[in-house]
C-alpha atoms as a PDB file:
ATOM      1  CA  MET A   1     120.447-107.019 -81.169  1.00  0.00           C
ATOM      2  CA  ARG A   2     120.187-102.968 -80.726  1.00  0.00           C
ATOM      3  CA  LEU A   3     122.190-100.742 -82.747  1.00  0.00           C
ATOM      4  CA  GLN A   4     122.442 -97.100 -81.035  1.00  0.00           C
ATOM      5  CA  SER A   5     125.080 -95.388 -83.341  1.00  0.00           C
ATOM      6  CA  THR A   6     123.486 -93.800 -86.481  1.00  0.00           C
ATOM      7  CA  ASP A   7     126.931 -94.121 -88.165  1.00  0.00           C
ATOM      8  CA  MET A   8     127.207 -97.831 -87.630  1.00  0.00           C
ATOM      9  CA  GLN A   9     123.874 -97.861 -89.022  1.00  0.00           C
ATOM     10  CA  ASN A  10     124.480 -96.046 -92.036  1.00  0.00           C
ATOM     11  CA  THR A  11     127.852 -98.221 -92.345  1.00  0.00           C
ATOM     12  CA  VAL A  12     125.876-101.622 -92.279  1.00  0.00           C
ATOM     13  CA  ARG A  13     123.030-100.256 -94.544  1.00  0.00           C
ATOM     14  CA  HIS A  14     125.762 -99.338 -97.328  1.00  0.00           C
ATOM     15  CA  ALA A  15     127.716-102.714 -96.690  1.00  0.00           C
ATOM     16  CA  ILE A  16     125.119-105.098 -97.119  1.00  0.00           C
ATOM     17  CA  ARG A  17     123.220-106.522-100.301  1.00  0.00           C
ATOM     18  CA  PRO A  18     120.263-104.647-101.355  1.00  0.00           C
ATOM     19  CA  GLY A  19     118.219-107.709-100.659  1.00  0.00           C
ATOM     20  CA  LEU A  20     119.000-107.399 -96.764  1.00  0.00           C
ATOM     21  CA  ALA A  21     117.999-103.996 -96.320  1.00  0.00           C
ATOM     22  CA  THR A  22     114.732-104.896 -95.289  1.00  0.00           C
ATOM     23  CA  LEU A  23     115.662-107.149 -92.521  1.00  0.00           C
ATOM     24  CA  VAL A  24     118.510-104.866 -91.174  1.00  0.00           C
ATOM     25  CA  ALA A  25     116.047-101.971 -91.414  1.00  0.00           C
ATOM     26  CA  PHE A  26     113.627-104.110 -88.955  1.00  0.00           C
ATOM     27  CA  LEU A  27     116.472-104.966 -86.404  1.00  0.00           C
ATOM     28  CA  PHE A  28     117.197-101.462 -86.277  1.00  0.00           C
ATOM     29  CA  SER A  29     113.384-100.332 -85.445  1.00  0.00           C
ATOM     30  CA  ALA A  30     112.336-103.107 -83.599  1.00  0.00           C
ATOM     31  CA  VAL A  31     110.412-102.318 -80.323  1.00  0.00           C
ATOM     32  CA  PRO A  32     111.822-104.618 -77.362  1.00  0.00           C
ATOM     33  CA  VAL A  33     109.184-107.425 -76.096  1.00  0.00           C
ATOM     34  CA  PRO A  34     108.109-106.516 -72.498  1.00  0.00           C
ATOM     35  CA  ALA A  35     109.159-108.922 -69.746  1.00  0.00           C
ATOM     36  CA  ALA A  36     105.766-110.264 -69.210  1.00  0.00           C
ATOM     37  CA  PHE A  37     105.930-111.566 -72.858  1.00  0.00           C
ATOM     38  CA  ALA A  38     109.366-113.140 -72.824  1.00  0.00           C
ATOM     39  CA  GLN A  39     108.755-116.674 -72.464  1.00  0.00           C
ATOM     40  CA  GLY A  40     105.730-116.266 -74.590  1.00  0.00           C
ATOM     41  CA  ALA A  41     107.518-114.637 -77.726  1.00  0.00           C
ATOM     42  CA  ALA A  42     110.583-116.721 -77.619  1.00  0.00           C
ATOM     43  CA  GLY A  43     111.180-119.460 -79.954  1.00  0.00           C
ATOM     44  CA  ALA A  44     108.165-118.931 -81.884  1.00  0.00           C
ATOM     45  CA  PRO A  45     107.755-120.717 -85.393  1.00  0.00           C
ATOM     46  CA  THR A  46     107.954-118.556 -88.709  1.00  0.00           C
ATOM     47  CA  THR A  47     107.024-119.771 -91.984  1.00  0.00           C
ATOM     48  CA  ASN A  48     109.860-121.865 -93.382  1.00  0.00           C
ATOM     49  CA  SER A  49     110.007-122.643 -97.453  1.00  0.00           C
ATOM     50  CA  ALA A  50     112.256-125.656 -96.246  1.00  0.00           C
ATOM     51  CA  ALA A  51     109.898-127.156 -93.887  1.00  0.00           C
ATOM     52  CA  ALA A  52     107.090-129.200 -94.914  1.00  0.00           C
ATOM     53  CA  PRO A  53     103.382-127.162 -94.171  1.00  0.00           C
ATOM     54  CA  ASN A  54     101.335-128.247 -91.473  1.00  0.00           C
ATOM     55  CA  THR A  55     104.248-130.019 -89.412  1.00  0.00           C
ATOM     56  CA  LEU A  56     106.123-129.498 -86.064  1.00  0.00           C
ATOM     57  CA  THR A  57     109.806-129.543 -85.721  1.00  0.00           C
ATOM     58  CA  ALA A  58     111.335-131.261 -83.181  1.00  0.00           C
ATOM     59  CA  GLU A  59     112.192-127.787 -81.310  1.00  0.00           C
ATOM     60  CA  GLU A  60     108.535-127.017 -81.319  1.00  0.00           C
ATOM     61  CA  LYS A  61     107.212-129.765 -79.993  1.00  0.00           C
ATOM     62  CA  SER A  62     109.785-129.710 -77.059  1.00  0.00           C
ATOM     63  CA  GLY A  63     108.439-125.843 -76.782  1.00  0.00           C
ATOM     64  CA  GLY A  64     104.747-127.155 -76.100  1.00  0.00           C
ATOM     65  CA  TRP A  65     103.315-126.378 -79.519  1.00  0.00           C
ATOM     66  CA  LYS A  66     100.380-128.365 -81.175  1.00  0.00           C
ATOM     67  CA  LEU A  67      98.864-128.476 -84.453  1.00  0.00           C
ATOM     68  CA  LEU A  68      95.399-127.052 -84.850  1.00  0.00           C
ATOM     69  CA  PHE A  69      95.518-128.229 -88.654  1.00  0.00           C
ATOM     70  CA  ASP A  70      96.774-131.349 -89.808  1.00  0.00           C
ATOM     71  CA  GLY A  71      96.968-129.940 -93.344  1.00  0.00           C
ATOM     72  CA  LYS A  72      94.586-133.025 -94.521  1.00  0.00           C
ATOM     73  CA  THR A  73      91.067-132.960 -92.571  1.00  0.00           C
ATOM     74  CA  THR A  74      88.939-130.846 -90.623  1.00  0.00           C
ATOM     75  CA  GLU A  75      89.731-132.046 -87.541  1.00  0.00           C
ATOM     76  CA  GLY A  76      89.752-129.906 -84.409  1.00  0.00           C
ATOM     77  CA  TRP A  77      87.281-127.468 -86.266  1.00  0.00           C
ATOM     78  CA  ARG A  78      83.576-127.318 -86.422  1.00  0.00           C
ATOM     79  CA  GLY A  79      81.001-124.367 -87.250  1.00  0.00           C
ATOM     80  CA  PHE A  80      80.459-121.663 -85.162  1.00  0.00           C
ATOM     81  CA  HIS A  81      77.184-122.768 -83.090  1.00  0.00           C
ATOM     82  CA  ALA A  82      77.248-126.056 -84.641  1.00  0.00           C
ATOM     83  CA  ASP A  83      78.320-129.687 -83.738  1.00  0.00           C
ATOM     84  CA  THR A  84      79.898-130.315 -87.261  1.00  0.00           C
ATOM     85  CA  PHE A  85      82.289-128.820 -89.704  1.00  0.00           C
ATOM     86  CA  PRO A  86      80.612-126.731 -92.170  1.00  0.00           C
ATOM     87  CA  ALA A  87      79.188-129.011 -95.264  1.00  0.00           C
ATOM     88  CA  GLN A  88      79.638-125.924 -97.740  1.00  0.00           C
ATOM     89  CA  GLY A  89      81.884-122.593 -98.041  1.00  0.00           C
ATOM     90  CA  TRP A  90      84.811-123.999 -96.347  1.00  0.00           C
ATOM     91  CA  SER A  91      87.022-127.027 -97.433  1.00  0.00           C
ATOM     92  CA  ILE A  92      90.686-128.378 -97.436  1.00  0.00           C
ATOM     93  CA  GLN A  93      92.447-127.570-100.740  1.00  0.00           C
ATOM     94  CA  ASP A  94      96.452-127.808-101.381  1.00  0.00           C
ATOM     95  CA  GLY A  95      97.125-128.326 -97.599  1.00  0.00           C
ATOM     96  CA  ALA A  96      95.212-125.110 -96.219  1.00  0.00           C
ATOM     97  CA  ILE A  97      91.779-124.517 -94.860  1.00  0.00           C
ATOM     98  CA  ARG A  98      90.074-122.297 -97.569  1.00  0.00           C
ATOM     99  CA  ARG A  99      87.293-120.450 -97.665  1.00  0.00           C
ATOM    100  CA  ALA A 100      86.414-120.246-101.531  1.00  0.00           C
ATOM    101  CA  SER A 101      85.047-117.041-103.317  1.00  0.00           C
ATOM    102  CA  PRO A 102      81.214-117.047-103.895  1.00  0.00           C
ATOM    103  CA  VAL A 103      80.352-117.527-107.451  1.00  0.00           C
ATOM    104  CA  GLN A 104      79.522-114.697-109.547  1.00  0.00           C
ATOM    105  CA  GLY A 105      75.762-114.061-109.816  1.00  0.00           C
ATOM    106  CA  GLN A 106      74.995-116.492-107.024  1.00  0.00           C
ATOM    107  CA  THR A 107      74.269-115.532-103.533  1.00  0.00           C
ATOM    108  CA  GLY A 108      74.609-117.886-100.399  1.00  0.00           C
ATOM    109  CA  GLY A 109      77.132-120.617-100.245  1.00  0.00           C
ATOM    110  CA  GLY A 110      78.661-119.244 -97.286  1.00  0.00           C
ATOM    111  CA  GLY A 111      79.478-121.932 -94.147  1.00  0.00           C
ATOM    112  CA  GLY A 112      79.976-119.434 -91.515  1.00  0.00           C
ATOM    113  CA  ASP A 113      82.306-118.558 -89.287  1.00  0.00           C
ATOM    114  CA  ILE A 114      84.390-122.133 -87.803  1.00  0.00           C
ATOM    115  CA  ILE A 115      86.097-122.297 -84.323  1.00  0.00           C
ATOM    116  CA  THR A 116      88.687-124.637 -82.624  1.00  0.00           C
ATOM    117  CA  THR A 117      86.813-127.494 -81.062  1.00  0.00           C
ATOM    118  CA  GLY A 118      89.019-126.598 -77.859  1.00  0.00           C
ATOM    119  CA  THR A 119      88.935-123.619 -75.942  1.00  0.00           C
ATOM    120  CA  TYR A 120      92.337-121.685 -74.640  1.00  0.00           C
ATOM    121  CA  GLY A 121      93.057-118.768 -72.203  1.00  0.00           C
ATOM    122  CA  SER A 122      96.835-117.929 -71.953  1.00  0.00           C
ATOM    123  CA  PHE A 123      98.581-119.204 -75.345  1.00  0.00           C
ATOM    124  CA  GLU A 124     100.178-118.186 -78.333  1.00  0.00           C
ATOM    125  CA  LEU A 125      98.934-118.736 -81.962  1.00  0.00           C
ATOM    126  CA  ALA A 126     100.584-118.810 -85.017  1.00  0.00           C
ATOM    127  CA  LEU A 127      99.395-119.325 -88.663  1.00  0.00           C
ATOM    128  CA  ASP A 128      99.799-118.272 -91.944  1.00  0.00           C
ATOM    129  CA  TRP A 129      97.331-116.894 -94.186  1.00  0.00           C
ATOM    130  CA  LYS A 130      96.448-115.595 -97.712  1.00  0.00           C
ATOM    131  CA  LEU A 131      93.653-113.349 -98.863  1.00  0.00           C
ATOM    132  CA  SER A 132      92.166-112.985-102.353  1.00  0.00           C
ATOM    133  CA  VAL A 133      92.064-109.327-103.969  1.00  0.00           C
ATOM    134  CA  GLY A 134      89.595-107.054-102.269  1.00  0.00           C
ATOM    135  CA  GLY A 135      89.110-109.917 -99.548  1.00  0.00           C
ATOM    136  CA  ASN A 136      88.436-109.581 -96.155  1.00  0.00           C
ATOM    137  CA  SER A 137      88.505-112.095 -93.125  1.00  0.00           C
ATOM    138  CA  GLY A 138      89.853-112.176 -89.477  1.00  0.00           C
ATOM    139  CA  VAL A 139      91.203-114.104 -86.774  1.00  0.00           C
ATOM    140  CA  LYS A 140      88.850-113.901 -83.714  1.00  0.00           C
ATOM    141  CA  TYR A 141      90.084-115.359 -79.972  1.00  0.00           C
ATOM    142  CA  LEU A 142      88.600-115.665 -76.660  1.00  0.00           C
ATOM    143  CA  VAL A 143      85.588-116.336 -78.259  1.00  0.00           C
ATOM    144  CA  ALA A 144      82.125-117.638 -76.406  1.00  0.00           C
ATOM    145  CA  GLU A 145      79.298-119.161 -77.717  1.00  0.00           C
ATOM    146  CA  GLN A 146      76.385-117.450 -76.015  1.00  0.00           C
ATOM    147  CA  PRO A 147      73.372-119.501 -75.865  1.00  0.00           C
ATOM    148  CA  ASP A 148      71.588-116.090 -76.717  1.00  0.00           C
ATOM    149  CA  ARG A 149      73.016-115.616 -79.935  1.00  0.00           C
ATOM    150  CA  LYS A 150      72.424-118.364 -82.253  1.00  0.00           C
ATOM    151  CA  GLY A 151      74.160-116.654 -85.492  1.00  0.00           C
ATOM    152  CA  ARG A 152      76.891-118.440 -87.574  1.00  0.00           C
ATOM    153  CA  SER A 153      79.285-115.282 -86.613  1.00  0.00           C
ATOM    154  CA  GLY A 154      81.109-115.116 -83.333  1.00  0.00           C
ATOM    155  CA  VAL A 155      81.893-111.829 -81.368  1.00  0.00           C
ATOM    156  CA  SER A 156      84.914-111.188 -79.991  1.00  0.00           C
ATOM    157  CA  TYR A 157      88.651-109.561 -80.005  1.00  0.00           C
ATOM    158  CA  GLU A 158      89.740-109.648 -83.579  1.00  0.00           C
ATOM    159  CA  MET A 159      92.817-109.874 -85.605  1.00  0.00           C
ATOM    160  CA  GLN A 160      91.909-108.116 -88.741  1.00  0.00           C
ATOM    161  CA  ILE A 161      92.871-109.510 -92.073  1.00  0.00           C
ATOM    162  CA  LEU A 162      91.931-107.437 -95.254  1.00  0.00           C
ATOM    163  CA  ASP A 163      93.279-106.394 -98.540  1.00  0.00           C
ATOM    164  CA  ASP A 164      93.904-102.782 -97.453  1.00  0.00           C
ATOM    165  CA  GLU A 165      94.740-101.676-100.987  1.00  0.00           C
ATOM    166  CA  ASN A 166      91.640-102.727-102.508  1.00  0.00           C
ATOM    167  CA  HIS A 167      88.908-103.030 -99.488  1.00  0.00           C
ATOM    168  CA  PRO A 168      87.041 -99.951 -98.543  1.00  0.00           C
ATOM    169  CA  ASP A 169      86.957-100.904 -94.981  1.00  0.00           C
ATOM    170  CA  ALA A 170      90.631-100.226 -94.789  1.00  0.00           C
ATOM    171  CA  LYS A 171      89.585 -96.325 -94.786  1.00  0.00           C
ATOM    172  CA  ALA A 172      86.588 -96.907 -92.195  1.00  0.00           C
ATOM    173  CA  GLY A 173      86.828 -97.119 -88.650  1.00  0.00           C
ATOM    174  CA  MET A 174      88.946 -94.509 -87.122  1.00  0.00           C
ATOM    175  CA  ASN A 175      92.750 -93.860 -87.590  1.00  0.00           C
ATOM    176  CA  GLY A 176      93.526 -97.057 -89.679  1.00  0.00           C
ATOM    177  CA  ASN A 177      91.783 -99.373 -86.855  1.00  0.00           C
ATOM    178  CA  ARG A 178      90.091-101.510 -89.463  1.00  0.00           C
ATOM    179  CA  LYS A 179      93.129-102.407 -91.286  1.00  0.00           C
ATOM    180  CA  THR A 180      95.210-105.639 -92.085  1.00  0.00           C
ATOM    181  CA  GLY A 181      96.708-106.679 -88.070  1.00  0.00           C
ATOM    182  CA  ALA A 182      94.496-104.306 -86.404  1.00  0.00           C
ATOM    183  CA  LEU A 183      92.443-105.219 -83.140  1.00  0.00           C
ATOM    184  CA  TYR A 184      89.482-104.644 -85.349  1.00  0.00           C
ATOM    185  CA  ASP A 185      87.623-101.228 -84.949  1.00  0.00           C
ATOM    186  CA  LEU A 186      89.722-100.780 -81.905  1.00  0.00           C
ATOM    187  CA  ILE A 187      93.207-100.256 -82.571  1.00  0.00           C
ATOM    188  CA  ALA A 188      95.323 -99.570 -85.331  1.00  0.00           C
ATOM    189  CA  PRO A 189      98.393-101.543 -86.571  1.00  0.00           C
ATOM    190  CA  ALA A 190     101.787 -99.655 -85.327  1.00  0.00           C
ATOM    191  CA  THR A 191     103.497-100.089 -88.822  1.00  0.00           C
ATOM    192  CA  PRO A 192     101.983-101.673 -92.009  1.00  0.00           C
ATOM    193  CA  SER A 193     103.663-104.751 -92.825  1.00  0.00           C
ATOM    194  CA  ALA A 194     101.063-106.916 -94.461  1.00  0.00           C
ATOM    195  CA  ARG A 195     101.954-108.404 -97.923  1.00  0.00           C
ATOM    196  CA  PRO A 196     100.119-108.094-101.333  1.00  0.00           C
ATOM    197  CA  ALA A 197      96.981-110.086-101.865  1.00  0.00           C
ATOM    198  CA  GLY A 198      97.702-113.602-103.149  1.00  0.00           C
ATOM    199  CA  GLU A 199     100.899-114.072-100.892  1.00  0.00           C
ATOM    200  CA  TRP A 200     101.219-115.955 -97.574  1.00  0.00           C
ATOM    201  CA  ASN A 201     101.595-113.574 -94.618  1.00  0.00           C
ATOM    202  CA  HIS A 202     102.666-115.378 -91.125  1.00  0.00           C
ATOM    203  CA  SER A 203     100.501-113.958 -87.994  1.00  0.00           C
ATOM    204  CA  ARG A 204     100.873-114.376 -84.154  1.00  0.00           C
ATOM    205  CA  VAL A 205      98.490-113.852 -81.287  1.00  0.00           C
ATOM    206  CA  ILE A 206     100.013-113.849 -77.818  1.00  0.00           C
ATOM    207  CA  VAL A 207      97.537-113.926 -75.154  1.00  0.00           C
ATOM    208  CA  GLN A 208      98.960-114.133 -71.579  1.00  0.00           C
ATOM    209  CA  GLY A 209      96.916-113.537 -68.668  1.00  0.00           C
ATOM    210  CA  ARG A 210      95.450-109.601 -69.444  1.00  0.00           C
ATOM    211  CA  ARG A 211      98.412-108.628 -71.824  1.00  0.00           C
ATOM    212  CA  VAL A 212      97.701-109.360 -75.703  1.00  0.00           C
ATOM    213  CA  GLU A 213     100.047-108.658 -78.676  1.00  0.00           C
ATOM    214  CA  HIS A 214      99.558-109.119 -82.626  1.00  0.00           C
ATOM    215  CA  TRP A 215     102.351-109.717 -84.605  1.00  0.00           C
ATOM    216  CA  LEU A 216     102.434-109.528 -88.261  1.00  0.00           C
ATOM    217  CA  ASN A 217     105.417-110.345 -90.605  1.00  0.00           C
ATOM    218  CA  GLY A 218     107.868-110.472 -87.839  1.00  0.00           C
ATOM    219  CA  GLN A 219     106.637-107.079 -86.431  1.00  0.00           C
ATOM    220  CA  ARG A 220     104.922-106.540 -83.282  1.00  0.00           C
ATOM    221  CA  ILE A 221     102.029-104.220 -84.450  1.00  0.00           C
ATOM    222  CA  VAL A 222      99.339-104.097 -81.447  1.00  0.00           C
ATOM    223  CA  GLN A 223      99.580-104.458 -77.805  1.00  0.00           C
ATOM    224  CA  PHE A 224      96.804-104.096 -74.994  1.00  0.00           C
ATOM    225  CA  GLU A 225      95.755-105.004 -71.720  1.00  0.00           C
ATOM    226  CA  ILE A 226      92.121-106.626 -71.255  1.00  0.00           C
ATOM    227  CA  GLY A 227      90.128-104.863 -69.113  1.00  0.00           C
ATOM    228  CA  SER A 228      92.026-101.575 -68.651  1.00  0.00           C
ATOM    229  CA  PRO A 229      90.771 -98.042 -68.769  1.00  0.00           C
ATOM    230  CA  GLN A 230      92.106 -97.554 -71.941  1.00  0.00           C
ATOM    231  CA  MET A 231      90.607-100.593 -73.545  1.00  0.00           C
ATOM    232  CA  LYS A 232      87.039 -99.634 -71.920  1.00  0.00           C
ATOM    233  CA  ALA A 233      87.514 -96.396 -73.256  1.00  0.00           C
ATOM    234  CA  LEU A 234      87.941 -97.802 -76.661  1.00  0.00           C
ATOM    235  CA  ILE A 235      85.380-100.594 -76.680  1.00  0.00           C
ATOM    236  CA  SER A 236      82.897 -97.538 -75.507  1.00  0.00           C
ATOM    237  CA  ASN A 237      83.772 -95.492 -78.705  1.00  0.00           C
ATOM    238  CA  SER A 238      83.259 -98.443 -81.045  1.00  0.00           C
ATOM    239  CA  LYS A 239      80.795-100.828 -82.707  1.00  0.00           C
ATOM    240  CA  TYR A 240      80.953-103.238 -79.554  1.00  0.00           C
ATOM    241  CA  LYS A 241      79.723-100.562 -77.187  1.00  0.00           C
ATOM    242  CA  ASP A 242      76.385-102.028 -76.857  1.00  0.00           C
ATOM    243  CA  ILE A 243      77.483-105.697 -76.813  1.00  0.00           C
ATOM    244  CA  LYS A 244      77.048-106.980 -73.096  1.00  0.00           C
ATOM    245  CA  GLY A 245      80.457-108.093 -71.634  1.00  0.00           C
ATOM    246  CA  PHE A 246      82.462-107.941 -74.982  1.00  0.00           C
ATOM    247  CA  GLY A 247      85.844-108.613 -74.435  1.00  0.00           C
ATOM    248  CA  GLU A 248      85.606-110.059 -70.917  1.00  0.00           C
ATOM    249  CA  ALA A 249      86.039-113.736 -71.317  1.00  0.00           C
ATOM    250  CA  ALA A 250      88.859-115.511 -69.714  1.00  0.00           C
ATOM    251  CA  THR A 251      89.141-118.448 -72.084  1.00  0.00           C
ATOM    252  CA  GLY A 252      87.554-118.834 -75.448  1.00  0.00           C
ATOM    253  CA  HIS A 253      87.602-120.621 -78.939  1.00  0.00           C
ATOM    254  CA  ILE A 254      89.963-119.515 -81.779  1.00  0.00           C
ATOM    255  CA  LEU A 255      87.670-118.522 -85.064  1.00  0.00           C
ATOM    256  CA  LEU A 256      88.478-118.098 -88.493  1.00  0.00           C
ATOM    257  CA  GLN A 257      86.071-115.853 -90.120  1.00  0.00           C
ATOM    258  CA  ASP A 258      83.823-116.379 -93.175  1.00  0.00           C
ATOM    259  CA  HIS A 259      83.365-112.927 -94.613  1.00  0.00           C
ATOM    260  CA  GLY A 260      81.999-114.187 -97.699  1.00  0.00           C
ATOM    261  CA  ASP A 261      85.690-113.687 -99.689  1.00  0.00           C
ATOM    262  CA  GLU A 262      88.309-116.286-100.188  1.00  0.00           C
ATOM    263  CA  VAL A 263      90.691-116.920 -97.556  1.00  0.00           C
ATOM    264  CA  SER A 264      93.116-119.642 -96.867  1.00  0.00           C
ATOM    265  CA  PHE A 265      94.583-120.810 -93.586  1.00  0.00           C
ATOM    266  CA  ARG A 266      97.863-122.979 -92.894  1.00  0.00           C
ATOM    267  CA  ASN A 267     100.662-123.916 -90.593  1.00  0.00           C
ATOM    268  CA  ILE A 268      97.940-123.360 -87.786  1.00  0.00           C
ATOM    269  CA  LYS A 269      99.751-123.760 -84.218  1.00  0.00           C
ATOM    270  CA  VAL A 270      99.230-122.985 -80.800  1.00  0.00           C
ATOM    271  CA  ARG A 271     101.013-123.551 -77.320  1.00  0.00           C
ATOM    272  CA  ALA A 272     100.092-122.863 -73.796  1.00  0.00           C
ATOM    273  CA  LEU A 273     101.642-119.845 -71.889  1.00  0.00           C
ATOM    274  CA  PRO A 274     101.636-119.591 -68.084  1.00  0.00           C
ATOM    275  CA  GLY A 275      98.571-118.701 -66.394  1.00  0.00           C
ATOM    276  CA  GLY A 276      96.534-120.635 -68.536  1.00  0.00           C
ATOM    277  CA  ALA A 277      95.428-124.357 -69.164  1.00  0.00           C
ATOM    278  CA  LYS A 278      97.262-126.620 -71.470  1.00  0.00           C
ATOM    279  CA  PRO A 279      95.699-126.852 -75.326  1.00  0.00           C
END
């Protein structure tokens, strides 16, 4: 629904309860989803306190959604460039995959990035995440495990997860392209929509062919086209400029980043979209 009349908008704003103001403001400012994404964006799951975490509703099942995390085990996940889930750093706690904070004064203890055992091409990903104060993490997608790079950190497109208020990386990069929800070091989020550190956020990533969108807490904040002249120009001026083949993979793993800070993920769900293999 899009209201065109300024008088009507003002009337509604004054009539509603203050607690609904944020929702109405979003309806007035929401950008319509392009036709190419109509199927990919419809019916996406949202964080619902009335529903059990890490489960699928009947509607989600009929819509093709699959759980990537059952809330209890590490099934479906492994370390980057590893055959098994990390023995340290990551754990399952309170229905979430959690990267624990390092112990003050100690070094090491990280498990490295973790990735899905499956790979995905055209898909929609939905997940909840919660970050510690001053924390840094990210969700990467279309991640390939190049045989010539044996490290524990994957390289690909990344939806940034950051405590913008307390982490210095929020002020690095260019024009906010390292803030929460950004296509890291490439495209800044269109609007700030992250909740404070310690609160759960809901993110979505839609990849449909060459078109990509990032959503955060109900707002679309990034959109781009893989391989477009604009993206090539952005990459050539980024930290990825010397990485051969960066961003060219048509399919790949979904990755949760170990940046050494405490972060939790839950309600991780995916569904295939037209143009890609089924999850």
